[in-house]
C-alpha atoms as a PDB file:
ATOM      1  CA  UNK A   1      32.189  46.883  18.300  1.00  0.00           C
ATOM      2  CA  UNK A   2      32.309  45.813  14.660  1.00  0.00           C
ATOM      3  CA  UNK A   3      32.532  42.111  15.659  1.00  0.00           C
ATOM      4  CA  UNK A   4      29.331  42.419  17.734  1.00  0.00           C
ATOM      5  CA  UNK A   5      27.448  43.617  14.647  1.00  0.00           C
ATOM      6  CA  UNK A   6      28.935  40.756  12.652  1.00  0.00           C
ATOM      7  CA  UNK A   7      27.771  38.210  15.238  1.00  0.00           C
ATOM      8  CA  UNK A   8      24.287  39.749  15.363  1.00  0.00           C
ATOM      9  CA  UNK A   9      24.079  39.733  11.559  1.00  0.00           C
ATOM     10  CA  UNK A  10      25.211  36.107  11.459  1.00  0.00           C
ATOM     11  CA  UNK A  11      22.613  35.079  14.064  1.00  0.00           C
ATOM     12  CA  UNK A  12      19.844  36.892  12.173  1.00  0.00           C
ATOM     13  CA  UNK A  13      20.891  35.306   8.891  1.00  0.00           C
ATOM     14  CA  UNK A  14      20.947  31.800  10.384  1.00  0.00           C
ATOM     15  CA  UNK A  15      17.564  32.384  12.050  1.00  0.00           C
ATOM     16  CA  UNK A  16      15.990  33.530   8.812  1.00  0.00           C
ATOM     17  CA  UNK A  17      17.442  30.653   6.807  1.00  0.00           C
ATOM     18  CA  UNK A  18      16.429  27.955   9.294  1.00  0.00           C
ATOM     19  CA  UNK A  19      12.973  29.495   9.619  1.00  0.00           C
ATOM     20  CA  UNK A  20      12.487  29.171   5.877  1.00  0.00           C
ATOM     21  CA  UNK A  21      13.855  25.643   5.780  1.00  0.00           C
ATOM     22  CA  UNK A  22      11.456  24.326   8.395  1.00  0.00           C
ATOM     23  CA  UNK A  23       8.462  25.312   6.293  1.00  0.00           C
ATOM     24  CA  UNK A  24       9.841  24.136   2.985  1.00  0.00           C
ATOM     25  CA  UNK A  25       8.864  20.506   3.292  1.00  0.00           C
ATOM     26  CA  UNK A  26      12.446  19.315   3.694  1.00  0.00           C
ATOM     27  CA  UNK A  27      12.324  19.357   7.482  1.00  0.00           C
ATOM     28  CA  UNK A  28       8.634  18.962   8.182  1.00  0.00           C
ATOM     29  CA  UNK A  29       9.267  16.087  10.550  1.00  0.00           C
ATOM     30  CA  UNK A  30      10.968  18.535  12.903  1.00  0.00           C
ATOM     31  CA  UNK A  31       8.017  20.901  13.084  1.00  0.00           C
ATOM     32  CA  UNK A  32       4.969  18.782  13.787  1.00  0.00           C
ATOM     33  CA  UNK A  33       2.774  18.373  16.845  1.00  0.00           C
ATOM     34  CA  UNK A  34       2.803  14.930  18.377  1.00  0.00           C
ATOM     35  CA  UNK A  35      -0.444  13.830  19.989  1.00  0.00           C
ATOM     36  CA  UNK A  36      -0.797  12.265  23.413  1.00  0.00           C
ATOM     37  CA  UNK A  37      -3.316   9.552  22.507  1.00  0.00           C
ATOM     38  CA  UNK A  38      -6.240  11.485  23.983  1.00  0.00           C
ATOM     39  CA  UNK A  39      -9.695  10.424  22.810  1.00  0.00           C
ATOM     40  CA  UNK A  40     -12.545  12.882  22.235  1.00  0.00           C
ATOM     41  CA  UNK A  41     -16.153  11.838  21.621  1.00  0.00           C
ATOM     42  CA  UNK A  42     -18.886  14.226  20.488  1.00  0.00           C
ATOM     43  CA  UNK A  43     -22.538  13.660  21.365  1.00  0.00           C
ATOM     44  CA  UNK A  44     -24.790  13.170  18.325  1.00  0.00           C
ATOM     45  CA  UNK A  45     -26.583  16.515  18.744  1.00  0.00           C
ATOM     46  CA  UNK A  46     -23.321  18.469  18.838  1.00  0.00           C
ATOM     47  CA  UNK A  47     -21.617  16.980  15.769  1.00  0.00           C
ATOM     48  CA  UNK A  48     -20.610  18.955  12.703  1.00  0.00           C
ATOM     49  CA  UNK A  49     -20.281  17.716   9.144  1.00  0.00           C
ATOM     50  CA  UNK A  50     -16.984  16.182   8.093  1.00  0.00           C
ATOM     51  CA  UNK A  51     -15.264  17.661   5.068  1.00  0.00           C
ATOM     52  CA  UNK A  52     -15.706  16.096   1.659  1.00  0.00           C
ATOM     53  CA  UNK A  53     -13.305  13.161   1.486  1.00  0.00           C
ATOM     54  CA  UNK A  54     -12.182  12.651  -2.032  1.00  0.00           C
ATOM     55  CA  UNK A  55      -9.389  13.149  -4.484  1.00  0.00           C
ATOM     56  CA  UNK A  56      -6.242  11.498  -5.782  1.00  0.00           C
ATOM     57  CA  UNK A  57      -4.823   8.551  -3.836  1.00  0.00           C
ATOM     58  CA  UNK A  58      -1.263   7.316  -3.451  1.00  0.00           C
ATOM     59  CA  UNK A  59      -1.956   4.680  -6.081  1.00  0.00           C
ATOM     60  CA  UNK A  60      -3.047   7.314  -8.600  1.00  0.00           C
ATOM     61  CA  UNK A  61      -6.742   6.512  -8.553  1.00  0.00           C
ATOM     62  CA  UNK A  62      -9.537   8.952  -7.835  1.00  0.00           C
ATOM     63  CA  UNK A  63     -11.430   8.295  -4.589  1.00  0.00           C
ATOM     64  CA  UNK A  64     -14.835   9.595  -3.579  1.00  0.00           C
ATOM     65  CA  UNK A  65     -16.208   8.872  -0.117  1.00  0.00           C
ATOM     66  CA  UNK A  66     -19.887   8.035   0.256  1.00  0.00           C
ATOM     67  CA  UNK A  67     -21.835   8.776   3.429  1.00  0.00           C
ATOM     68  CA  UNK A  68     -23.692   5.867   5.019  1.00  0.00           C
ATOM     69  CA  UNK A  69     -20.934   3.971   6.810  1.00  0.00           C
ATOM     70  CA  UNK A  70     -18.839   4.730   9.855  1.00  0.00           C
ATOM     71  CA  UNK A  71     -15.490   5.956   8.565  1.00  0.00           C
ATOM     72  CA  UNK A  72     -12.072   6.019  10.208  1.00  0.00           C
ATOM     73  CA  UNK A  73      -9.788   8.714   8.800  1.00  0.00           C
ATOM     74  CA  UNK A  74      -6.119   8.430   9.762  1.00  0.00           C
ATOM     75  CA  UNK A  75      -3.760  11.361   9.141  1.00  0.00           C
ATOM     76  CA  UNK A  76      -0.185  10.150   8.725  1.00  0.00           C
ATOM     77  CA  UNK A  77       3.268  10.658   7.246  1.00  0.00           C
ATOM     78  CA  UNK A  78       5.926   8.067   6.455  1.00  0.00           C
ATOM     79  CA  UNK A  79       8.598   9.830   8.542  1.00  0.00           C
ATOM     80  CA  UNK A  80       6.390   9.904  11.663  1.00  0.00           C
ATOM     81  CA  UNK A  81       7.460   7.337  14.291  1.00  0.00           C
ATOM     82  CA  UNK A  82       4.014   7.015  15.935  1.00  0.00           C
ATOM     83  CA  UNK A  83       2.508   6.541  12.443  1.00  0.00           C
ATOM     84  CA  UNK A  84       4.883   3.649  11.809  1.00  0.00           C
ATOM     85  CA  UNK A  85       4.037   2.182  15.208  1.00  0.00           C
ATOM     86  CA  UNK A  86       0.259   2.381  14.798  1.00  0.00           C
ATOM     87  CA  UNK A  87      -0.054   1.092  11.225  1.00  0.00           C
ATOM     88  CA  UNK A  88      -0.247  -2.625  12.195  1.00  0.00           C
ATOM     89  CA  UNK A  89      -3.113  -1.731  14.561  1.00  0.00           C
ATOM     90  CA  UNK A  90      -4.965   0.228  11.867  1.00  0.00           C
ATOM     91  CA  UNK A  91      -4.525  -2.577   9.344  1.00  0.00           C
ATOM     92  CA  UNK A  92      -5.743  -5.202  11.824  1.00  0.00           C
ATOM     93  CA  UNK A  93      -8.777  -3.114  12.781  1.00  0.00           C
ATOM     94  CA  UNK A  94      -9.619  -2.419   9.130  1.00  0.00           C
ATOM     95  CA  UNK A  95      -9.787  -6.190   8.640  1.00  0.00           C
ATOM     96  CA  UNK A  96     -11.764  -6.748  11.840  1.00  0.00           C
ATOM     97  CA  UNK A  97     -14.348  -4.002  11.216  1.00  0.00           C
ATOM     98  CA  UNK A  98     -15.243  -4.784   7.608  1.00  0.00           C
ATOM     99  CA  UNK A  99     -18.436  -2.710   7.852  1.00  0.00           C
ATOM    100  CA  UNK A 100     -16.317   0.398   8.576  1.00  0.00           C
ATOM    101  CA  UNK A 101     -14.549   2.408   5.867  1.00  0.00           C
ATOM    102  CA  UNK A 102     -10.884   3.147   6.572  1.00  0.00           C
ATOM    103  CA  UNK A 103      -9.137   6.003   4.803  1.00  0.00           C
ATOM    104  CA  UNK A 104      -5.749   7.656   5.154  1.00  0.00           C
ATOM    105  CA  UNK A 105      -4.766  11.254   4.500  1.00  0.00           C
ATOM    106  CA  UNK A 106      -1.110  11.902   3.813  1.00  0.00           C
ATOM    107  CA  UNK A 107       0.233  15.106   5.301  1.00  0.00           C
ATOM    108  CA  UNK A 108       3.557  16.895   5.081  1.00  0.00           C
ATOM    109  CA  UNK A 109       5.220  14.058   3.219  1.00  0.00           C
ATOM    110  CA  UNK A 110       6.562  13.210  -0.208  1.00  0.00           C
ATOM    111  CA  UNK A 111       4.334  10.796  -2.152  1.00  0.00           C
ATOM    112  CA  UNK A 112       7.230   8.494  -3.217  1.00  0.00           C
ATOM    113  CA  UNK A 113       8.242   7.952   0.423  1.00  0.00           C
ATOM    114  CA  UNK A 114       4.616   7.408   1.406  1.00  0.00           C
ATOM    115  CA  UNK A 115       4.076   4.965  -1.477  1.00  0.00           C
ATOM    116  CA  UNK A 116       7.047   2.903  -0.317  1.00  0.00           C
ATOM    117  CA  UNK A 117       5.679   2.951   3.239  1.00  0.00           C
ATOM    118  CA  UNK A 118       2.211   1.861   2.055  1.00  0.00           C
ATOM    119  CA  UNK A 119       3.684  -0.976  -0.033  1.00  0.00           C
ATOM    120  CA  UNK A 120       5.969  -2.130   2.793  1.00  0.00           C
ATOM    121  CA  UNK A 121       3.062  -2.431   5.215  1.00  0.00           C
ATOM    122  CA  UNK A 122       0.508  -3.500   2.571  1.00  0.00           C
ATOM    123  CA  UNK A 123      -1.998  -0.884   3.711  1.00  0.00           C
ATOM    124  CA  UNK A 124      -5.331  -2.264   2.447  1.00  0.00           C
ATOM    125  CA  UNK A 125      -7.251   1.027   2.337  1.00  0.00           C
ATOM    126  CA  UNK A 126      -6.773   4.161   0.202  1.00  0.00           C
ATOM    127  CA  UNK A 127      -4.738   7.189   1.229  1.00  0.00           C
ATOM    128  CA  UNK A 128      -5.596  10.627  -0.134  1.00  0.00           C
ATOM    129  CA  UNK A 129      -2.640  12.855  -0.978  1.00  0.00           C
ATOM    130  CA  UNK A 130      -4.448  16.191  -0.562  1.00  0.00           C
ATOM    131  CA  UNK A 131      -3.790  17.369   2.975  1.00  0.00           C
ATOM    132  CA  UNK A 132      -5.855  20.529   2.367  1.00  0.00           C
ATOM    133  CA  UNK A 133      -8.785  18.277   3.333  1.00  0.00           C
ATOM    134  CA  UNK A 134      -7.598  18.655   6.918  1.00  0.00           C
ATOM    135  CA  UNK A 135      -8.781  22.270   6.951  1.00  0.00           C
ATOM    136  CA  UNK A 136     -12.327  20.939   6.702  1.00  0.00           C
ATOM    137  CA  UNK A 137     -12.039  19.482  10.199  1.00  0.00           C
ATOM    138  CA  UNK A 138     -11.266  22.849  11.830  1.00  0.00           C
ATOM    139  CA  UNK A 139     -14.891  23.535  12.826  1.00  0.00           C
ATOM    140  CA  UNK A 140     -15.475  20.123  14.388  1.00  0.00           C
ATOM    141  CA  UNK A 141     -12.416  18.355  15.766  1.00  0.00           C
ATOM    142  CA  UNK A 142      -9.184  19.646  14.245  1.00  0.00           C
ATOM    143  CA  UNK A 143      -6.758  16.894  13.312  1.00  0.00           C
ATOM    144  CA  UNK A 144      -3.781  18.965  14.357  1.00  0.00           C
ATOM    145  CA  UNK A 145      -1.324  16.282  15.410  1.00  0.00           C
ATOM    146  CA  UNK A 146       0.478  13.643  13.419  1.00  0.00           C
ATOM    147  CA  UNK A 147      -0.920  11.059  13.621  1.00  0.00           C
ATOM    148  CA  UNK A 148      -4.552  11.955  14.214  1.00  0.00           C
ATOM    149  CA  UNK A 149      -7.508   9.670  13.659  1.00  0.00           C
ATOM    150  CA  UNK A 150     -11.059  10.928  13.227  1.00  0.00           C
ATOM    151  CA  UNK A 151     -14.158   8.759  13.304  1.00  0.00           C
ATOM    152  CA  UNK A 152     -17.072   9.914  11.175  1.00  0.00           C
ATOM    153  CA  UNK A 153     -20.584   8.626  11.822  1.00  0.00           C
ATOM    154  CA  UNK A 154     -22.981   7.148   9.249  1.00  0.00           C
ATOM    155  CA  UNK A 155     -24.466  10.606   8.642  1.00  0.00           C
ATOM    156  CA  UNK A 156     -21.131  12.113   7.635  1.00  0.00           C
ATOM    157  CA  UNK A 157     -20.539  13.977  10.893  1.00  0.00           C
ATOM    158  CA  UNK A 158     -17.359  13.955  12.961  1.00  0.00           C
ATOM    159  CA  UNK A 159     -18.070  11.807  16.020  1.00  0.00           C
ATOM    160  CA  UNK A 160     -14.656  11.457  17.623  1.00  0.00           C
ATOM    161  CA  UNK A 161     -10.929  11.823  17.379  1.00  0.00           C
ATOM    162  CA  UNK A 162      -7.732  10.317  18.724  1.00  0.00           C
ATOM    163  CA  UNK A 163      -4.770  12.690  18.800  1.00  0.00           C
ATOM    164  CA  UNK A 164      -1.589  10.678  18.509  1.00  0.00           C
ATOM    165  CA  UNK A 165      -1.016   6.976  18.174  1.00  0.00           C
ATOM    166  CA  UNK A 166      -4.114   4.771  18.280  1.00  0.00           C
ATOM    167  CA  UNK A 167      -4.270   1.595  20.300  1.00  0.00           C
ATOM    168  CA  UNK A 168      -6.477  -1.407  19.646  1.00  0.00           C
ATOM    169  CA  UNK A 169      -8.498  -0.519  22.746  1.00  0.00           C
ATOM    170  CA  UNK A 170      -8.902   3.212  22.056  1.00  0.00           C
ATOM    171  CA  UNK A 171      -9.918   2.905  18.410  1.00  0.00           C
ATOM    172  CA  UNK A 172     -12.066  -0.207  18.891  1.00  0.00           C
ATOM    173  CA  UNK A 173     -14.003   1.494  21.667  1.00  0.00           C
ATOM    174  CA  UNK A 174     -14.580   4.595  19.534  1.00  0.00           C
ATOM    175  CA  UNK A 175     -15.610   2.580  16.460  1.00  0.00           C
ATOM    176  CA  UNK A 176     -18.023   0.429  18.478  1.00  0.00           C
ATOM    177  CA  UNK A 177     -19.529   3.435  20.244  1.00  0.00           C
ATOM    178  CA  UNK A 178     -20.182   5.277  16.973  1.00  0.00           C
ATOM    179  CA  UNK A 179     -21.336   2.132  15.149  1.00  0.00           C
ATOM    180  CA  UNK A 180     -23.920   1.304  17.808  1.00  0.00           C
ATOM    181  CA  UNK A 181     -25.766   4.628  17.439  1.00  0.00           C
END
């Protein structure tokens, strides 16, 4: 009987300890939602304002987003496999669509690892390191997968989202649709 209590106590202790570890930042890559690449578009009349996009970037500069241009906001982390896979596409599209602002938001990652990632891939656009910005999307299109990419229209309203890895076709189509309005 005593050994049953010991086993139960051991299981409870391990459960509590692993539960704490998964939220500590050390194992965040094990507790994220991976998107399926689904694309959502919101009609102009139904759009809600995007959150204020500004703050400290990976390079240590202060960034402030201005409304007036279509903006692509990519939520990423350096440990995320789909993020690593999609970055060449995002870089290529940021060079193709020069009239569109591209911006990253780092989430659940350590800035030194993200800085190394950004340098390795020569990401040409800024990345904000304040993932509390993501809460501002909750009333429009939550960016609740890693990666997630939101497209904001010229009026500062959330127009669409891709949950999961972007493709050239999916993001180009969304950018062109929002840009042509």
